[in-house]
């Protein structure tokens, strides 16, 4: 990926962030900032999901911190529980 493509991608991500943040409460934006610092890929995924919900007209009010947590939980693949038995 060349420099021009990276710049276009960054601009697209910025546009998605701007759109999504308009539909998030202050607490949700704070959580998003923390997520973005720790897991940039997940942050992009959640912003894309929120932007998609906005464009579909599915959101009627701002996403709260609890709703953002719920979306993040739904995005994570289920883990298989591993138990260790001693014989």
N, C-alpha and C. Protein backbone atom coordinates (compact mmCIF):
# COMPACT_ATOMS: atom_id res chain seq x y z
N UNK A 1 0.85 -1.18 0.00
CA UNK A 1 0.00 0.00 0.00
C UNK A 1 0.89 1.24 0.00
N UNK A 2 0.68 2.09 -0.97
CA UNK A 2 1.54 3.27 -1.04
C UNK A 2 1.01 4.38 -0.13
N UNK A 3 1.76 5.46 -0.09
CA UNK A 3 1.45 6.56 0.82
C UNK A 3 0.10 7.22 0.50
N UNK A 4 -0.20 7.32 -0.77
CA UNK A 4 -1.46 7.95 -1.19
C UNK A 4 -2.66 7.10 -0.73
N UNK A 5 -2.56 5.79 -0.88
CA UNK A 5 -3.63 4.89 -0.43
C UNK A 5 -3.83 4.97 1.08
N UNK A 6 -2.72 5.05 1.81
CA UNK A 6 -2.80 5.16 3.26
C UNK A 6 -3.48 6.46 3.67
N UNK A 7 -3.18 7.53 2.96
CA UNK A 7 -3.79 8.82 3.26
C UNK A 7 -5.30 8.77 3.01
N UNK A 8 -5.72 8.15 1.91
CA UNK A 8 -7.14 8.01 1.60
C UNK A 8 -7.85 7.18 2.67
N UNK A 9 -7.19 6.11 3.10
CA UNK A 9 -7.76 5.24 4.14
C UNK A 9 -7.92 6.01 5.44
N UNK A 10 -6.91 6.77 5.82
CA UNK A 10 -6.98 7.58 7.04
C UNK A 10 -8.13 8.59 6.96
N UNK A 11 -8.31 9.20 5.79
CA UNK A 11 -9.40 10.16 5.61
C UNK A 11 -10.76 9.49 5.74
N UNK A 12 -10.88 8.28 5.19
CA UNK A 12 -12.14 7.54 5.30
C UNK A 12 -12.43 7.18 6.75
N UNK A 13 -11.41 6.74 7.47
CA UNK A 13 -11.58 6.40 8.88
C UNK A 13 -11.98 7.64 9.67
N UNK A 14 -11.35 8.76 9.38
CA UNK A 14 -11.67 10.01 10.06
C UNK A 14 -13.12 10.42 9.81
N UNK A 15 -13.59 10.24 8.57
CA UNK A 15 -14.97 10.59 8.23
C UNK A 15 -15.95 9.68 8.99
N UNK A 16 -15.62 8.39 9.06
CA UNK A 16 -16.46 7.46 9.81
C UNK A 16 -16.50 7.82 11.29
N UNK A 17 -15.34 8.18 11.84
CA UNK A 17 -15.27 8.58 13.25
C UNK A 17 -16.14 9.80 13.51
N UNK A 18 -16.04 10.78 12.65
CA UNK A 18 -16.82 12.00 12.81
C UNK A 18 -18.32 11.69 12.80
N UNK A 19 -18.75 10.87 11.87
CA UNK A 19 -20.15 10.48 11.77
C UNK A 19 -20.59 9.71 13.01
N UNK A 20 -19.81 8.73 13.41
CA UNK A 20 -20.18 7.87 14.53
C UNK A 20 -20.18 8.63 15.86
N UNK A 21 -19.20 9.50 16.05
CA UNK A 21 -19.11 10.25 17.32
C UNK A 21 -20.31 11.17 17.53
N UNK A 22 -20.95 11.60 16.46
CA UNK A 22 -22.15 12.42 16.59
C UNK A 22 -23.29 11.63 17.23
N UNK A 23 -23.20 10.31 17.16
CA UNK A 23 -24.25 9.43 17.68
C UNK A 23 -23.80 8.72 18.96
N UNK A 24 -22.78 9.25 19.63
CA UNK A 24 -22.28 8.64 20.86
C UNK A 24 -22.32 9.65 22.00
N UNK A 25 -22.60 9.16 23.22
CA UNK A 25 -22.56 10.02 24.40
C UNK A 25 -21.09 10.29 24.75
N UNK A 26 -20.87 11.23 25.66
CA UNK A 26 -19.50 11.58 26.06
C UNK A 26 -18.78 10.38 26.66
N UNK A 27 -19.49 9.59 27.48
CA UNK A 27 -18.87 8.40 28.08
C UNK A 27 -18.49 7.36 27.01
N UNK A 28 -19.35 7.20 26.02
CA UNK A 28 -19.06 6.25 24.95
C UNK A 28 -17.86 6.72 24.12
N UNK A 29 -17.76 8.02 23.90
CA UNK A 29 -16.61 8.57 23.15
C UNK A 29 -15.33 8.34 23.94
N UNK A 30 -15.40 8.51 25.25
CA UNK A 30 -14.22 8.25 26.09
C UNK A 30 -13.80 6.79 26.00
N UNK A 31 -14.78 5.88 26.08
CA UNK A 31 -14.47 4.44 25.96
C UNK A 31 -13.88 4.15 24.58
N UNK A 32 -14.42 4.77 23.54
CA UNK A 32 -13.90 4.57 22.20
C UNK A 32 -12.44 5.02 22.11
N UNK A 33 -12.14 6.15 22.73
CA UNK A 33 -10.76 6.66 22.72
C UNK A 33 -9.80 5.68 23.37
N UNK A 34 -10.23 5.10 24.48
CA UNK A 34 -9.41 4.10 25.18
C UNK A 34 -9.23 2.86 24.31
N UNK A 35 -10.33 2.43 23.69
CA UNK A 35 -10.28 1.27 22.80
C UNK A 35 -9.35 1.53 21.63
N UNK A 36 -9.43 2.72 21.06
CA UNK A 36 -8.60 3.07 19.91
C UNK A 36 -7.11 3.05 20.26
N UNK A 37 -6.79 3.48 21.48
CA UNK A 37 -5.39 3.49 21.90
C UNK A 37 -4.86 2.07 22.11
N UNK A 38 -5.71 1.20 22.66
CA UNK A 38 -5.27 -0.16 22.98
C UNK A 38 -5.43 -1.13 21.81
N UNK A 39 -6.55 -1.02 21.08
CA UNK A 39 -6.86 -1.95 19.99
C UNK A 39 -7.37 -1.18 18.77
N UNK A 40 -6.47 -0.61 17.99
CA UNK A 40 -6.89 0.21 16.84
C UNK A 40 -7.78 -0.53 15.83
N UNK A 41 -7.52 -1.82 15.62
CA UNK A 41 -8.32 -2.57 14.65
C UNK A 41 -9.76 -2.72 15.13
N UNK A 42 -9.93 -3.03 16.42
CA UNK A 42 -11.28 -3.16 16.96
C UNK A 42 -12.01 -1.83 16.93
N UNK A 43 -11.27 -0.75 17.17
CA UNK A 43 -11.87 0.59 17.15
C UNK A 43 -12.41 0.90 15.76
N UNK A 44 -11.67 0.55 14.74
CA UNK A 44 -12.13 0.78 13.36
C UNK A 44 -13.37 -0.06 13.08
N UNK A 45 -13.37 -1.30 13.54
CA UNK A 45 -14.53 -2.17 13.33
C UNK A 45 -15.78 -1.61 14.00
N UNK A 46 -15.64 -1.13 15.24
CA UNK A 46 -16.81 -0.62 15.96
C UNK A 46 -17.30 0.67 15.34
N UNK A 47 -16.39 1.52 14.88
CA UNK A 47 -16.79 2.77 14.23
C UNK A 47 -17.51 2.47 12.91
N UNK A 48 -17.02 1.50 12.17
CA UNK A 48 -17.67 1.11 10.91
C UNK A 48 -19.07 0.57 11.18
N UNK A 49 -19.21 -0.22 12.25
CA UNK A 49 -20.51 -0.77 12.61
C UNK A 49 -21.49 0.34 12.99
N UNK A 50 -21.05 1.27 13.81
CA UNK A 50 -21.91 2.38 14.22
C UNK A 50 -22.30 3.24 13.01
N UNK A 51 -21.34 3.51 12.14
CA UNK A 51 -21.63 4.30 10.94
C UNK A 51 -22.65 3.58 10.06
N UNK A 52 -22.52 2.27 9.97
CA UNK A 52 -23.47 1.48 9.18
C UNK A 52 -24.87 1.56 9.79
N UNK A 53 -24.97 1.48 11.12
CA UNK A 53 -26.27 1.59 11.78
C UNK A 53 -26.89 2.97 11.55
N UNK A 54 -26.05 4.00 11.56
CA UNK A 54 -26.53 5.36 11.32
C UNK A 54 -27.06 5.47 9.89
N UNK A 55 -26.31 4.96 8.93
CA UNK A 55 -26.69 5.07 7.53
C UNK A 55 -27.95 4.27 7.22
N UNK A 56 -28.17 3.18 7.97
CA UNK A 56 -29.38 2.38 7.79
C UNK A 56 -30.59 3.01 8.47
N UNK A 57 -30.33 3.98 9.34
CA UNK A 57 -31.42 4.61 10.07
C UNK A 57 -31.86 3.81 11.27
N UNK A 58 -31.02 2.89 11.73
CA UNK A 58 -31.36 2.02 12.86
C UNK A 58 -31.24 2.73 14.21
N UNK A 59 -30.45 3.78 14.27
CA UNK A 59 -30.26 4.48 15.54
C UNK A 59 -31.25 5.63 15.66
N UNK A 60 -31.94 5.67 16.80
CA UNK A 60 -32.90 6.74 17.05
C UNK A 60 -32.36 7.73 18.09
N UNK A 61 -31.41 7.26 18.90
CA UNK A 61 -30.80 8.12 19.91
C UNK A 61 -29.33 7.77 20.03
N UNK A 62 -28.61 8.58 20.81
CA UNK A 62 -27.17 8.38 20.94
C UNK A 62 -26.84 7.06 21.64
N UNK A 63 -25.71 6.48 21.26
CA UNK A 63 -25.24 5.24 21.87
C UNK A 63 -24.58 5.58 23.20
N UNK A 64 -25.05 4.94 24.26
CA UNK A 64 -24.47 5.17 25.59
C UNK A 64 -23.25 4.27 25.78
N UNK A 65 -22.57 4.49 26.89
CA UNK A 65 -21.41 3.67 27.21
C UNK A 65 -21.81 2.21 27.35
N UNK A 66 -22.93 1.94 28.00
CA UNK A 66 -23.39 0.56 28.19
C UNK A 66 -23.72 -0.10 26.84
N UNK A 67 -24.34 0.65 25.94
CA UNK A 67 -24.66 0.10 24.62
C UNK A 67 -23.39 -0.17 23.81
N UNK A 68 -22.39 0.70 23.96
CA UNK A 68 -21.12 0.48 23.28
C UNK A 68 -20.45 -0.78 23.81
N UNK A 69 -20.49 -0.96 25.13
CA UNK A 69 -19.94 -2.19 25.73
C UNK A 69 -20.64 -3.41 25.16
N UNK A 70 -21.96 -3.33 25.05
CA UNK A 70 -22.74 -4.44 24.51
C UNK A 70 -22.34 -4.75 23.06
N UNK A 71 -22.17 -3.71 22.25
CA UNK A 71 -21.73 -3.92 20.86
C UNK A 71 -20.36 -4.58 20.81
N UNK A 72 -19.46 -4.13 21.69
CA UNK A 72 -18.11 -4.72 21.72
C UNK A 72 -18.16 -6.18 22.12
N UNK A 73 -19.02 -6.51 23.08
CA UNK A 73 -19.15 -7.90 23.52
C UNK A 73 -19.69 -8.77 22.39
N UNK A 74 -20.65 -8.25 21.65
CA UNK A 74 -21.24 -9.01 20.54
C UNK A 74 -20.22 -9.22 19.41
N UNK A 75 -19.28 -8.30 19.27
CA UNK A 75 -18.27 -8.41 18.21
C UNK A 75 -17.22 -9.48 18.51
N UNK A 76 -17.02 -9.78 19.79
CA UNK A 76 -15.98 -10.74 20.16
C UNK A 76 -16.46 -12.16 19.86
N UNK A 77 -15.61 -12.96 19.28
CA UNK A 77 -16.00 -14.35 19.04
C UNK A 77 -16.11 -15.09 20.37
N UNK A 78 -17.01 -16.05 20.40
CA UNK A 78 -17.17 -16.81 21.64
C UNK A 78 -15.93 -17.65 21.90
N UNK A 79 -15.57 -17.71 23.15
CA UNK A 79 -14.40 -18.49 23.54
C UNK A 79 -14.86 -19.86 24.03
N UNK A 80 -14.08 -20.84 23.71
CA UNK A 80 -14.37 -22.16 24.23
C UNK A 80 -13.74 -22.27 25.61
N UNK A 81 -14.52 -22.77 26.53
CA UNK A 81 -14.00 -22.96 27.88
C UNK A 81 -13.10 -24.19 27.89
N UNK A 82 -11.95 -24.03 28.45
CA UNK A 82 -11.01 -25.14 28.57
C UNK A 82 -10.87 -25.47 30.03
N UNK A 83 -11.06 -26.73 30.33
CA UNK A 83 -10.89 -27.16 31.72
C UNK A 83 -9.73 -28.16 31.77
N UNK A 84 -9.00 -28.06 32.82
CA UNK A 84 -7.86 -28.96 33.03
C UNK A 84 -8.22 -29.88 34.18
N UNK A 85 -8.19 -31.17 33.89
CA UNK A 85 -8.48 -32.14 34.93
C UNK A 85 -7.20 -32.89 35.27
N UNK A 86 -6.94 -32.98 36.53
CA UNK A 86 -5.76 -33.71 36.97
C UNK A 86 -6.17 -35.13 37.28
N UNK A 87 -5.30 -36.04 36.92
CA UNK A 87 -5.61 -37.45 37.15
C UNK A 87 -4.73 -38.03 38.21
